[in-house]
């Protein structure tokens, strides 16, 4: 995703006060000398809320996923891989826009006591990636087929401030936060034989404390916190919305002072937040604040989420009816962009690893609906340019994006379907509810009876012409069949 022409609503660098070298010296009682007006305080509070949204979202998700005694579903204790063994079924309604191309392997690491060694086996020519996310949500590193190749490898993942000897032959990956998420994806073609092959690889994804590397190691789950302070089952966005502004800013300040130190470039934003009493490691007590600041906190969570939601439509560029979103995983001081991704696309890949264009309209601008029939034709030699693989996933729209149940149990279409070519070498895909006929079913992506959204998944998109990344290639229009 990218912000293109929209002005960044978070004004940290442009409107920042001089950097305060030691925010802990800021008094909890904010005076009108620091906050000149209610509108000024309101702007700072809004910017501070958006600034922290990715951190709070990731922290809530971390606790919900890892504060458990044993593996189960998409949950697992800190320091242990959660391996998904199959694609989600047709009736899956857990996470919107599910994937039917790769199998997930997720793990949360606590790097506070010591580093962790992450190892994977020889992956051969299979496409895989292991993006690693800090608590603030940017990608820290992404070992995988694109960056490190398929040979067996081990990586030393270290936390803030660690210094020590990196074992020979091992690359260090420095996490800027105490906790880190590994969200691995391994390609699987959907057959039972290939699922078994990928499952065998997943069993060899290992996490070991540095002190135990090369020695016998038995995993023991850390103790469960019986009172994490919020719901373990509600969606993260709902959990955050239920927090008062005071609770939210206290959590933000506590995390910044411990597990998630702010980045150096965040200095101007920290100076602005200090003007209303928000400082790393310091309690935020609304009752002690000036009236103008307390007024600025009124209904702030609801107002901030509305602002973040309004930014969602600005993250994509329209090309031939497809929304193409790029530039994710690296945010710098673009806190609005980071907040929007946290709310609606957490946590997101780097564009070098994956880009997911999607469309809701045909070439005449009409909404795609299963009452009609559609085609999508790639000219000869113009299929999506990737080094990894591409596919198109079909989603029905029902308070989320979900697989479409069908008699073929087919949720994607790609080259692995042995697509039939036209006489001129082009490939025509069919998006419709009923079968286009046995001779065309390899090229058919079953659609629901109602509105639908095709998503083009491009893993490891090519960087040179033709390329989606530089605009020298674009997905063609979806055409409605008359």
Protein backbone atom coordinates (compact mmCIF):
# COMPACT_ATOMS: atom_id res chain seq x y z
CA UNK A 1 0.00 0.00 0.00
CA UNK A 2 1.06 3.59 -0.50
CA UNK A 3 -0.31 6.99 0.41
CA UNK A 4 0.07 8.47 -3.08
CA UNK A 5 -1.41 11.99 -3.00
CA UNK A 6 -3.21 12.00 0.35
CA UNK A 7 -1.68 14.37 2.91
CA UNK A 8 -0.49 12.55 6.00
CA UNK A 9 -2.87 13.42 8.83
CA UNK A 10 -0.22 12.80 11.47
CA UNK A 11 1.73 16.02 11.65
CA UNK A 12 4.53 14.90 13.96
CA UNK A 13 7.51 16.25 12.05
CA UNK A 14 5.88 19.36 10.60
CA UNK A 15 4.25 20.69 13.76
CA UNK A 16 6.58 19.25 16.39
CA UNK A 17 7.79 21.25 19.35
CA UNK A 18 11.54 21.15 20.07
CA UNK A 19 12.63 17.68 21.15
CA UNK A 20 12.51 17.14 24.90
CA UNK A 21 15.64 15.17 25.77
CA UNK A 22 14.15 13.64 28.91
CA UNK A 23 10.35 13.16 28.70
CA UNK A 24 10.33 11.79 32.27
CA UNK A 25 10.88 15.35 33.51
CA UNK A 26 7.55 16.47 32.06
CA UNK A 27 5.04 17.11 34.82
CA UNK A 28 1.82 15.13 34.80
CA UNK A 29 0.01 18.46 35.24
CA UNK A 30 -0.11 20.02 31.79
CA UNK A 31 -0.59 23.78 31.81
CA UNK A 32 -2.11 26.07 29.23
CA UNK A 33 1.37 27.38 28.57
CA UNK A 34 2.14 24.04 26.97
CA UNK A 35 -1.23 23.43 25.35
CA UNK A 36 -2.45 26.71 23.99
CA UNK A 37 -6.03 25.71 23.17
CA UNK A 38 -8.49 22.86 23.30
CA UNK A 39 -8.12 22.39 19.53
CA UNK A 40 -4.34 22.13 19.88
CA UNK A 41 -4.69 19.55 22.65
CA UNK A 42 -7.23 17.67 20.56
CA UNK A 43 -4.88 17.50 17.57
CA UNK A 44 -2.03 16.25 19.73
CA UNK A 45 -4.25 13.64 21.39
CA UNK A 46 -5.51 12.43 18.01
CA UNK A 47 -2.00 12.20 16.59
CA UNK A 48 -0.78 10.39 19.69
CA UNK A 49 -3.61 7.88 19.45
CA UNK A 50 -2.85 7.17 15.78
CA UNK A 51 0.89 7.02 16.51
CA UNK A 52 0.35 4.25 19.05
CA UNK A 53 -2.35 2.29 17.23
CA UNK A 54 -0.03 -0.23 15.57
CA UNK A 55 1.79 -0.87 18.86
CA UNK A 56 -1.39 -1.42 20.86
CA UNK A 57 -2.88 -3.60 18.09
CA UNK A 58 0.20 -5.81 17.92
CA UNK A 59 0.44 -6.10 21.70
CA UNK A 60 -3.23 -7.09 22.05
CA UNK A 61 -2.80 -9.65 19.25
CA UNK A 62 0.36 -11.01 20.88
CA UNK A 63 -1.36 -11.58 24.20
CA UNK A 64 -4.45 -13.13 22.64
CA UNK A 65 -2.39 -15.52 20.52
CA UNK A 66 0.34 -16.49 22.99
CA UNK A 67 -1.11 -16.22 26.52
CA UNK A 68 -2.15 -19.88 26.40
CA UNK A 69 -0.80 -23.07 28.02
CA UNK A 70 -0.53 -25.16 24.85
CA UNK A 71 -0.92 -25.18 21.07
CA UNK A 72 -4.48 -25.03 19.78
CA UNK A 73 -5.89 -23.57 16.58
CA UNK A 74 -4.17 -20.25 15.84
CA UNK A 75 -2.86 -19.96 19.40
CA UNK A 76 0.39 -21.11 20.93
CA UNK A 77 2.70 -20.29 23.84
CA UNK A 78 5.52 -17.80 23.41
CA UNK A 79 8.53 -19.43 21.74
CA UNK A 80 6.70 -22.21 19.88
CA UNK A 81 5.59 -22.42 16.25
CA UNK A 82 1.88 -22.59 15.44
CA UNK A 83 1.80 -24.62 12.20
CA UNK A 84 -1.33 -24.56 10.04
CA UNK A 85 -1.57 -27.93 8.30
CA UNK A 86 -4.20 -27.27 5.61
CA UNK A 87 -5.94 -24.43 3.81
CA UNK A 88 -9.03 -23.12 5.62
CA UNK A 89 -12.29 -24.90 4.63
CA UNK A 90 -15.00 -23.29 2.54
CA UNK A 91 -17.05 -22.29 5.59
CA UNK A 92 -14.13 -20.71 7.47
CA UNK A 93 -15.06 -17.37 9.04
CA UNK A 94 -12.10 -16.71 11.34
CA UNK A 95 -9.92 -14.18 9.49
CA UNK A 96 -11.18 -12.18 6.51
CA UNK A 97 -9.57 -12.83 3.10
CA UNK A 98 -8.12 -16.28 3.92
CA UNK A 99 -5.26 -17.74 1.92
CA UNK A 100 -5.38 -20.88 -0.27
CA UNK A 101 -1.79 -20.79 -1.54
CA UNK A 102 0.48 -21.06 1.49
CA UNK A 103 0.48 -22.70 4.90
CA UNK A 104 1.20 -20.45 7.87
CA UNK A 105 3.77 -20.99 10.61
CA UNK A 106 3.56 -18.31 13.29
CA UNK A 107 5.55 -17.79 16.48
CA UNK A 108 5.92 -15.05 19.09
CA UNK A 109 9.35 -14.59 20.64
CA UNK A 110 10.30 -13.05 23.98
CA UNK A 111 13.84 -11.73 23.55
CA UNK A 112 14.05 -10.11 26.97
CA UNK A 113 16.12 -12.78 28.74
CA UNK A 114 18.29 -13.92 25.85
CA UNK A 115 18.32 -14.24 22.03
CA UNK A 116 16.51 -16.99 20.16
CA UNK A 117 17.95 -19.13 17.35
CA UNK A 118 15.50 -19.72 14.48
CA UNK A 119 16.34 -22.55 12.08
CA UNK A 120 14.68 -23.94 8.96
CA UNK A 121 15.68 -26.99 6.87
CA UNK A 122 16.69 -27.09 3.21
CA UNK A 123 13.63 -25.83 1.36
CA UNK A 124 14.82 -26.78 -2.13
CA UNK A 125 13.05 -24.75 -4.82
CA UNK A 126 9.87 -24.27 -2.78
CA UNK A 127 8.76 -20.68 -2.26
CA UNK A 128 8.70 -19.58 1.38
CA UNK A 129 9.18 -16.48 3.48
CA UNK A 130 9.49 -15.72 7.20
CA UNK A 131 8.73 -12.01 7.71
CA UNK A 132 9.54 -10.85 11.24
CA UNK A 133 7.57 -8.00 12.80
CA UNK A 134 8.41 -5.75 15.74
CA UNK A 135 5.73 -4.70 18.20
CA UNK A 136 5.41 -1.46 16.24
CA UNK A 137 4.50 -3.62 13.18
CA UNK A 138 7.23 -2.84 10.59
CA UNK A 139 9.06 -5.78 9.03
CA UNK A 140 12.41 -6.22 10.79
CA UNK A 141 13.82 -8.83 8.40
CA UNK A 142 12.37 -11.42 6.01
CA UNK A 143 14.41 -14.59 5.54
CA UNK A 144 13.08 -16.63 2.65
CA UNK A 145 13.45 -17.72 -0.95
CA UNK A 146 13.87 -14.12 -2.16
CA UNK A 147 16.41 -12.92 0.39
CA UNK A 148 18.37 -15.86 1.78
CA UNK A 149 17.66 -18.75 -0.59
CA UNK A 150 16.45 -22.28 0.04
CA UNK A 151 19.42 -23.80 1.82
CA UNK A 152 19.09 -24.78 5.48
CA UNK A 153 19.88 -21.80 7.68
CA UNK A 154 19.90 -20.54 11.25
CA UNK A 155 19.42 -16.96 12.43
CA UNK A 156 20.20 -15.38 15.79
CA UNK A 157 17.33 -13.07 16.75
CA UNK A 158 18.40 -10.58 19.41
CA UNK A 159 16.47 -8.03 21.44
CA UNK A 160 17.17 -4.35 22.23
CA UNK A 161 20.55 -3.70 23.80
CA UNK A 162 21.90 -7.22 23.43
CA UNK A 163 25.62 -7.64 22.88
CA UNK A 164 27.46 -10.92 22.67
CA UNK A 165 29.07 -13.46 20.39
CA UNK A 166 27.10 -14.52 17.32
CA UNK A 167 27.73 -18.23 16.65
CA UNK A 168 29.79 -18.99 13.55
CA UNK A 169 27.78 -19.29 10.35
CA UNK A 170 24.75 -17.60 11.87
CA UNK A 171 23.34 -14.24 10.86
CA UNK A 172 22.11 -11.84 13.55
CA UNK A 173 18.68 -10.23 13.21
CA UNK A 174 18.23 -7.34 15.62
CA UNK A 175 14.72 -6.75 16.91
CA UNK A 176 14.02 -3.18 18.11
CA UNK A 177 11.42 -4.52 20.55
CA UNK A 178 11.45 -7.19 23.24
CA UNK A 179 8.70 -9.19 21.53
CA UNK A 180 8.79 -10.20 17.88
CA UNK A 181 6.41 -12.07 15.59
CA UNK A 182 7.52 -14.56 12.93
CA UNK A 183 4.70 -15.07 10.42
CA UNK A 184 6.01 -17.68 7.99
CA UNK A 185 4.33 -18.80 4.79
CA UNK A 186 5.26 -21.93 2.83
CA UNK A 187 3.82 -22.60 -0.63
CA UNK A 188 1.60 -25.68 -1.03
CA UNK A 189 -0.18 -26.69 -4.23
CA UNK A 190 -3.27 -28.05 -2.46
CA UNK A 191 -2.76 -31.78 -3.05
CA UNK A 192 -2.59 -34.23 -0.15
CA UNK A 193 0.93 -35.24 -1.17
CA UNK A 194 2.18 -31.66 -1.15
CA UNK A 195 0.44 -30.83 2.13
CA UNK A 196 2.32 -33.78 3.65
CA UNK A 197 5.61 -32.50 2.20
CA UNK A 198 5.05 -29.01 3.63
CA UNK A 199 3.95 -30.40 6.99
CA UNK A 200 7.24 -32.31 7.15
CA UNK A 201 9.12 -29.05 6.57
CA UNK A 202 7.04 -27.26 9.21
CA UNK A 203 8.04 -29.85 11.80
CA UNK A 204 11.65 -28.79 11.22
CA UNK A 205 11.09 -25.06 11.86
CA UNK A 206 12.87 -24.70 15.20
CA UNK A 207 13.18 -22.06 17.93
CA UNK A 208 15.82 -22.53 20.62
CA UNK A 209 17.22 -20.12 23.26
CA UNK A 210 20.82 -19.23 22.46
CA UNK A 211 22.05 -20.87 25.67
CA UNK A 212 20.51 -24.18 24.53
CA UNK A 213 21.62 -24.07 20.90
CA UNK A 214 23.43 -27.25 19.93
CA UNK A 215 22.31 -28.98 23.12
CA UNK A 216 19.31 -31.15 24.01
CA UNK A 217 16.34 -28.81 24.51
CA UNK A 218 12.82 -29.42 25.76
CA UNK A 219 10.30 -26.63 25.35
CA UNK A 220 8.37 -25.52 28.42
CA UNK A 221 5.50 -23.08 27.99
CA UNK A 222 5.80 -19.89 30.02
CA UNK A 223 3.14 -19.33 32.69
CA UNK A 224 -0.22 -17.97 31.61
CA UNK A 225 -1.26 -14.53 32.85
CA UNK A 226 -4.76 -15.09 34.31
CA UNK A 227 -5.61 -11.39 34.07
CA UNK A 228 -4.21 -9.77 30.92
CA UNK A 229 -6.50 -6.77 31.37
CA UNK A 230 -8.69 -7.24 28.29
CA UNK A 231 -10.76 -9.85 26.45
CA UNK A 232 -8.86 -12.83 25.06
CA UNK A 233 -11.56 -13.55 22.48
CA UNK A 234 -12.87 -10.23 21.11
CA UNK A 235 -11.28 -8.90 17.93
CA UNK A 236 -8.27 -6.64 18.63
CA UNK A 237 -10.03 -3.63 17.11
CA UNK A 238 -13.00 -4.15 19.44
CA UNK A 239 -10.70 -4.61 22.43
CA UNK A 240 -8.93 -1.34 21.68
CA UNK A 241 -12.16 0.54 21.06
CA UNK A 242 -13.39 -0.54 24.49
CA UNK A 243 -10.35 1.03 26.18
CA UNK A 244 -10.71 4.52 27.58
CA UNK A 245 -8.24 7.08 26.24
CA UNK A 246 -6.56 7.06 29.66
CA UNK A 247 -6.15 3.28 29.61
CA UNK A 248 -4.92 3.38 26.01
CA UNK A 249 -2.27 6.04 26.68
CA UNK A 250 -1.15 4.32 29.88
CA UNK A 251 -0.57 1.10 27.95
CA UNK A 252 1.24 3.03 25.23
CA UNK A 253 3.50 4.82 27.72
CA UNK A 254 4.24 1.60 29.61
CA UNK A 255 5.17 -0.29 26.44
CA UNK A 256 7.36 2.56 25.19
CA UNK A 257 9.21 2.52 28.51
CA UNK A 258 9.78 -1.23 28.52
CA UNK A 259 9.18 -3.66 25.66
CA UNK A 260 8.91 -1.24 22.74
CA UNK A 261 11.27 1.76 22.89
CA UNK A 262 10.35 4.38 20.28
CA UNK A 263 12.48 4.71 17.15
CA UNK A 264 14.98 7.59 17.00
CA UNK A 265 12.97 9.29 14.25
CA UNK A 266 9.98 9.46 16.60
CA UNK A 267 11.62 12.23 18.67
CA UNK A 268 9.42 15.05 17.32
CA UNK A 269 6.28 13.02 17.97
CA UNK A 270 7.41 12.22 21.51
CA UNK A 271 7.92 15.93 22.12
CA UNK A 272 4.38 16.68 20.97
CA UNK A 273 2.90 13.91 23.11
CA UNK A 274 4.83 15.14 26.14
CA UNK A 275 2.88 18.41 25.87
CA UNK A 276 -0.25 16.57 27.02
CA UNK A 277 1.54 14.36 29.56
CA UNK A 278 2.28 11.21 27.51
CA UNK A 279 5.90 10.08 28.03
CA UNK A 280 7.65 6.68 27.78
CA UNK A 281 7.56 4.83 31.08
CA UNK A 282 5.52 7.51 32.88
CA UNK A 283 1.95 7.09 34.16
CA UNK A 284 -0.72 8.97 32.27
CA UNK A 285 -3.33 10.27 34.74
CA UNK A 286 -6.19 12.10 33.08
CA UNK A 287 -7.58 13.40 36.38
CA UNK A 288 -4.43 15.46 36.94
CA UNK A 289 -4.52 17.06 33.51
CA UNK A 290 -5.75 20.47 32.52
CA UNK A 291 -9.41 20.72 31.56
CA UNK A 292 -8.54 21.41 27.90
CA UNK A 293 -6.64 18.13 27.73
CA UNK A 294 -9.40 16.16 29.46
CA UNK A 295 -11.90 17.56 26.99
CA UNK A 296 -9.63 16.48 24.12
CA UNK A 297 -9.83 12.88 25.37
CA UNK A 298 -13.62 12.76 25.29
CA UNK A 299 -14.74 10.05 22.83
CA UNK A 300 -11.21 9.96 21.44
CA UNK A 301 -11.14 6.20 20.66
CA UNK A 302 -14.28 6.41 18.52
CA UNK A 303 -13.16 9.58 16.76
CA UNK A 304 -9.66 8.23 16.13
CA UNK A 305 -10.92 4.98 14.65
CA UNK A 306 -13.18 6.98 12.33
CA UNK A 307 -10.17 9.01 11.17
CA UNK A 308 -8.13 5.85 10.65
CA UNK A 309 -11.02 4.28 8.75
CA UNK A 310 -11.30 7.31 6.49
CA UNK A 311 -7.66 6.80 5.52
CA UNK A 312 -8.30 3.28 4.28
CA UNK A 313 -9.44 4.30 0.81
CA UNK A 314 -6.34 6.41 0.28
CA UNK A 315 -3.90 3.52 0.49
CA UNK A 316 -4.45 2.15 -3.00
CA UNK A 317 -3.96 3.28 -6.58
CA UNK A 318 -6.67 2.37 -9.10
CA UNK A 319 -5.37 0.65 -12.25
CA UNK A 320 -7.82 -0.90 -14.72
CA UNK A 321 -10.36 -1.16 -11.92
CA UNK A 322 -7.91 -2.94 -9.60
CA UNK A 323 -6.81 -1.40 -6.32
CA UNK A 324 -3.04 -1.80 -6.18
CA UNK A 325 -1.50 -1.24 -2.76
CA UNK A 326 2.25 -1.06 -2.27
CA UNK A 327 4.84 0.32 0.13
CA UNK A 328 3.87 -1.69 3.21
CA UNK A 329 6.10 -3.01 5.96
CA UNK A 330 8.22 0.17 6.14
CA UNK A 331 6.49 3.23 7.55
CA UNK A 332 9.05 5.63 8.99
CA UNK A 333 7.12 8.57 10.45
CA UNK A 334 4.02 7.90 8.34
CA UNK A 335 1.99 7.03 11.42
CA UNK A 336 -1.37 7.35 9.68
CA UNK A 337 -0.44 4.76 7.09
CA UNK A 338 0.88 2.46 9.80
CA UNK A 339 -2.33 2.89 11.78
CA UNK A 340 -4.57 2.13 8.81
CA UNK A 341 -2.65 -1.06 8.05
CA UNK A 342 -2.85 -2.07 11.73
CA UNK A 343 -6.62 -1.62 11.71
CA UNK A 344 -7.41 -3.22 8.35
CA UNK A 345 -4.44 -5.28 7.12
CA UNK A 346 -2.31 -6.27 10.09
CA UNK A 347 0.58 -6.92 9.78
CA UNK A 348 1.34 -6.78 5.96
CA UNK A 349 4.22 -7.94 3.77
CA UNK A 350 6.91 -5.90 2.09
CA UNK A 351 5.99 -5.13 -1.52
CA UNK A 352 9.11 -6.98 -2.63
CA UNK A 353 7.58 -10.14 -1.15
CA UNK A 354 3.89 -9.84 -1.99
CA UNK A 355 1.33 -7.47 -3.50
CA UNK A 356 -2.42 -8.20 -3.50
CA UNK A 357 -4.42 -6.17 -6.06
CA UNK A 358 -8.19 -6.62 -5.85
CA UNK A 359 -11.19 -5.34 -7.78
CA UNK A 360 -14.92 -4.84 -7.24
CA UNK A 361 -15.92 -3.52 -10.70
CA UNK A 362 -15.89 -4.50 -14.37
CA UNK A 363 -14.63 -2.43 -17.30
CA UNK A 364 -17.83 -0.33 -17.25
CA UNK A 365 -17.52 0.44 -13.54
CA UNK A 366 -20.37 -1.91 -12.60
CA UNK A 367 -20.13 -3.85 -9.33
CA UNK A 368 -19.12 -7.48 -9.82
CA UNK A 369 -22.03 -9.80 -9.08
CA UNK A 370 -22.57 -13.52 -9.60
CA UNK A 371 -25.81 -12.90 -11.49
CA UNK A 372 -23.51 -12.04 -14.42
CA UNK A 373 -20.61 -13.74 -16.18
CA UNK A 374 -17.13 -12.23 -16.52
CA UNK A 375 -13.79 -12.92 -18.16
CA UNK A 376 -10.26 -11.80 -17.46
CA UNK A 377 -7.76 -12.26 -20.28
CA UNK A 378 -3.98 -12.14 -19.98
CA UNK A 379 -2.39 -11.48 -23.36
CA UNK A 380 0.26 -13.93 -24.55
CA UNK A 381 3.32 -13.56 -22.34
CA UNK A 382 1.52 -11.10 -20.04
CA UNK A 383 0.55 -13.23 -17.05
CA UNK A 384 1.42 -11.60 -13.71
CA UNK A 385 5.22 -11.08 -13.66
CA UNK A 386 6.56 -12.81 -10.55
CA UNK A 387 9.62 -14.70 -9.41
CA UNK A 388 7.56 -16.65 -6.90
CA UNK A 389 4.01 -17.45 -7.97
CA UNK A 390 0.64 -15.81 -8.62
CA UNK A 391 -2.98 -16.78 -8.10
CA UNK A 392 -6.42 -15.18 -8.06
CA UNK A 393 -8.64 -15.89 -5.04
CA UNK A 394 -12.41 -15.47 -5.16
CA UNK A 395 -14.20 -13.93 -2.16
CA UNK A 396 -17.88 -13.37 -1.48
CA UNK A 397 -18.75 -10.22 0.43
CA UNK A 398 -20.59 -10.82 3.71
CA UNK A 399 -19.28 -8.67 6.58
CA UNK A 400 -15.83 -9.74 5.40
CA UNK A 401 -14.21 -11.49 2.46
CA UNK A 402 -14.79 -15.24 2.48
CA UNK A 403 -14.18 -18.30 0.30
CA UNK A 404 -17.03 -19.28 -2.03
CA UNK A 405 -18.30 -22.84 -1.39
CA UNK A 406 -18.52 -24.77 -4.68
CA UNK A 407 -18.64 -28.36 -5.92
CA UNK A 408 -15.00 -28.27 -7.06
CA UNK A 409 -13.84 -26.95 -3.66
CA UNK A 410 -11.84 -24.48 -5.75
CA UNK A 411 -11.06 -21.08 -4.22
CA UNK A 412 -8.20 -19.93 -6.44
CA UNK A 413 -7.11 -20.13 -10.06
CA UNK A 414 -3.47 -20.11 -11.15
CA UNK A 415 -0.96 -21.82 -13.43
CA UNK A 416 -1.09 -24.88 -11.17
CA UNK A 417 -4.58 -25.52 -12.61
CA UNK A 418 -2.98 -26.37 -16.00
CA UNK A 419 -4.76 -23.42 -17.61
CA UNK A 420 -5.88 -23.76 -21.22
CA UNK A 421 -4.56 -21.15 -23.64
CA UNK A 422 -6.34 -19.53 -26.56
CA UNK A 423 -5.01 -20.03 -30.10
CA UNK A 424 -3.06 -16.75 -29.86
CA UNK A 425 -1.36 -17.82 -26.62
CA UNK A 426 -3.49 -15.67 -24.33
CA UNK A 427 -5.23 -17.06 -21.23
CA UNK A 428 -8.88 -16.29 -20.48
CA UNK A 429 -10.20 -16.86 -16.97
CA UNK A 430 -13.92 -17.19 -16.21
CA UNK A 431 -15.53 -15.62 -13.13
CA UNK A 432 -19.13 -16.85 -12.81
CA UNK A 433 -21.47 -18.82 -10.60
CA UNK A 434 -22.23 -21.73 -12.91
CA UNK A 435 -19.71 -23.84 -14.82
CA UNK A 436 -18.52 -22.48 -18.20
CA UNK A 437 -18.43 -26.09 -19.44
CA UNK A 438 -16.11 -29.05 -18.78
CA UNK A 439 -13.56 -27.89 -21.35
CA UNK A 440 -13.18 -24.53 -19.55
CA UNK A 441 -13.36 -25.57 -15.91
CA UNK A 442 -9.57 -25.44 -15.49
CA UNK A 443 -9.85 -21.69 -16.18
CA UNK A 444 -12.98 -21.22 -14.03
CA UNK A 445 -13.01 -19.44 -10.68
CA UNK A 446 -16.44 -20.14 -9.14
CA UNK A 447 -18.25 -16.97 -8.02
CA UNK A 448 -21.08 -16.59 -5.50
CA UNK A 449 -24.58 -15.54 -6.52
CA UNK A 450 -24.09 -12.11 -4.96
CA UNK A 451 -21.31 -9.48 -4.98
CA UNK A 452 -17.76 -10.75 -5.13
CA UNK A 453 -14.14 -9.63 -5.07
CA UNK A 454 -11.29 -11.31 -6.96
CA UNK A 455 -7.86 -10.82 -5.33
CA UNK A 456 -4.68 -11.25 -7.36
CA UNK A 457 -1.88 -12.51 -5.12
CA UNK A 458 1.60 -11.83 -6.51
CA UNK A 459 4.44 -13.33 -4.46
CA UNK A 460 7.94 -11.97 -5.12
CA UNK A 461 6.80 -9.65 -7.93
CA UNK A 462 9.47 -8.89 -10.51
CA UNK A 463 11.24 -5.57 -10.08
CA UNK A 464 12.06 -4.82 -13.75
CA UNK A 465 9.96 -4.23 -16.85
CA UNK A 466 7.35 -5.67 -16.90
CA UNK A 467 6.62 -5.05 -13.24
CA UNK A 468 3.62 -4.17 -11.12
CA UNK A 469 5.97 -2.35 -8.75
CA UNK A 470 7.06 0.29 -11.29
CA UNK A 471 3.77 0.41 -13.20
CA UNK A 472 5.14 -1.19 -16.40
CA UNK A 473 2.58 -4.01 -15.96
CA UNK A 474 -0.98 -3.89 -14.67
CA UNK A 475 -3.74 -6.48 -14.32
CA UNK A 476 -6.26 -6.21 -17.19
CA UNK A 477 -9.87 -5.11 -16.79
CA UNK A 478 -12.50 -7.66 -15.81
CA UNK A 479 -14.94 -7.83 -18.72
CA UNK A 480 -18.65 -8.56 -18.31
CA UNK A 481 -19.93 -11.11 -20.86
CA UNK A 482 -23.03 -9.80 -22.63
